[in-house]
Amino acid sequence: MPPRRSSISFNPGAKAPFTPAVSRSEAKGSGTAVIQRPAHPTHQQIAERAYQIYLKRGSGPGNAFSDWIEAERQLKTGNL
């Protein structure tokens, strides 16, 4: 069986912080902001969010993997 590939990739050149692009709706007078999030957050963005989750839950050991998965999910869906 071939080795399983991870959906997480390391990009050492990705140093810019996550900043969503915001645009206004084309409908006249709606004024609704539409936030466009990247489909694939960078390694750095996930690491920073996972660290925030780690701090929020009290910095306890043993949950690095679940923090990483939760951070990736939050960044992909926009539920921060």
Protein backbone atom coordinates (compact mmCIF):
# COMPACT_ATOMS: atom_id res chain seq x y z
CA MET A 1 0.00 0.00 0.00
CA PRO A 2 1.45 3.45 -0.88
CA PRO A 3 2.16 5.80 2.03
CA ARG A 4 -0.67 8.08 3.03
CA ARG A 5 -0.20 11.70 2.01
CA SER A 6 -1.00 14.48 4.41
CA SER A 7 -3.18 17.40 3.39
CA ILE A 8 -0.87 19.62 5.42
CA SER A 9 2.07 21.09 3.57
CA PHE A 10 5.03 23.07 4.87
CA ASN A 11 5.85 26.32 3.12
CA PRO A 12 8.82 28.04 4.76
CA GLY A 13 8.43 31.09 2.50
CA ALA A 14 4.92 31.89 3.78
CA LYS A 15 5.55 34.69 6.27
CA ALA A 16 2.58 36.97 5.71
CA PRO A 17 -0.13 36.86 8.39
CA PHE A 18 -3.63 35.77 7.45
CA THR A 19 -5.64 38.74 6.23
CA PRO A 20 -8.94 37.97 4.53
CA ALA A 21 -9.86 39.97 1.46
CA VAL A 22 -13.06 41.94 1.85
CA SER A 23 -15.19 43.11 -1.04
CA ARG A 24 -18.57 44.76 -1.30
CA SER A 25 -21.55 43.12 -2.91
CA GLU A 26 -22.27 44.13 -6.49
CA ALA A 27 -25.98 44.60 -5.72
CA LYS A 28 -26.86 48.30 -5.64
CA GLY A 29 -27.19 49.60 -2.10
CA SER A 30 -26.74 46.25 -0.36
CA GLY A 31 -23.51 47.24 1.44
CA THR A 32 -22.95 43.62 2.42
CA ALA A 33 -19.31 42.72 3.03
CA VAL A 34 -18.19 39.38 1.62
CA ILE A 35 -15.10 37.86 3.25
CA GLN A 36 -13.08 35.65 0.94
CA ARG A 37 -10.90 33.12 2.79
CA PRO A 38 -8.18 31.04 1.17
CA ALA A 39 -9.23 27.45 0.52
CA HIS A 40 -5.88 26.20 1.85
CA PRO A 41 -4.47 28.09 4.84
CA THR A 42 -0.67 28.18 5.06
CA HIS A 43 1.36 26.13 7.51
CA GLN A 44 2.18 29.33 9.42
CA GLN A 45 -1.49 30.36 9.67
CA ILE A 46 -2.47 26.94 11.02
CA ALA A 47 0.44 26.91 13.49
CA GLU A 48 -0.49 30.36 14.82
CA ARG A 49 -4.16 29.43 15.20
CA ALA A 50 -3.28 26.10 16.86
CA TYR A 51 -1.11 28.00 19.35
CA GLN A 52 -4.02 30.35 20.12
CA ILE A 53 -6.25 27.31 20.74
CA TYR A 54 -3.54 25.79 22.99
CA LEU A 55 -3.36 28.98 25.06
CA LYS A 56 -7.15 29.30 25.24
CA ARG A 57 -7.54 25.79 26.66
CA GLY A 58 -4.99 26.46 29.41
CA SER A 59 -1.70 25.31 27.82
CA GLY A 60 -2.17 21.70 28.91
CA PRO A 61 0.00 19.00 27.31
CA GLY A 62 -1.09 16.21 25.00
CA ASN A 63 -3.48 17.81 22.52
CA ALA A 64 -1.20 19.23 19.82
CA PHE A 65 -2.69 17.10 17.04
CA SER A 66 -6.30 17.94 17.92
CA ASP A 67 -5.37 21.63 18.25
CA TRP A 68 -3.80 21.51 14.77
CA ILE A 69 -6.84 19.82 13.22
CA GLU A 70 -9.20 22.27 14.92
CA ALA A 71 -7.11 25.25 13.76
CA GLU A 72 -7.12 23.96 10.17
CA ARG A 73 -10.90 23.44 10.30
CA GLN A 74 -11.51 26.91 11.72
CA LEU A 75 -9.36 28.61 9.11
CA LYS A 76 -11.01 26.73 6.23
CA THR A 77 -14.56 27.45 7.40
CA GLY A 78 -13.99 30.92 8.87
CA ASN A 79 -15.33 29.91 12.29
CA LEU A 80 -12.68 31.56 14.46
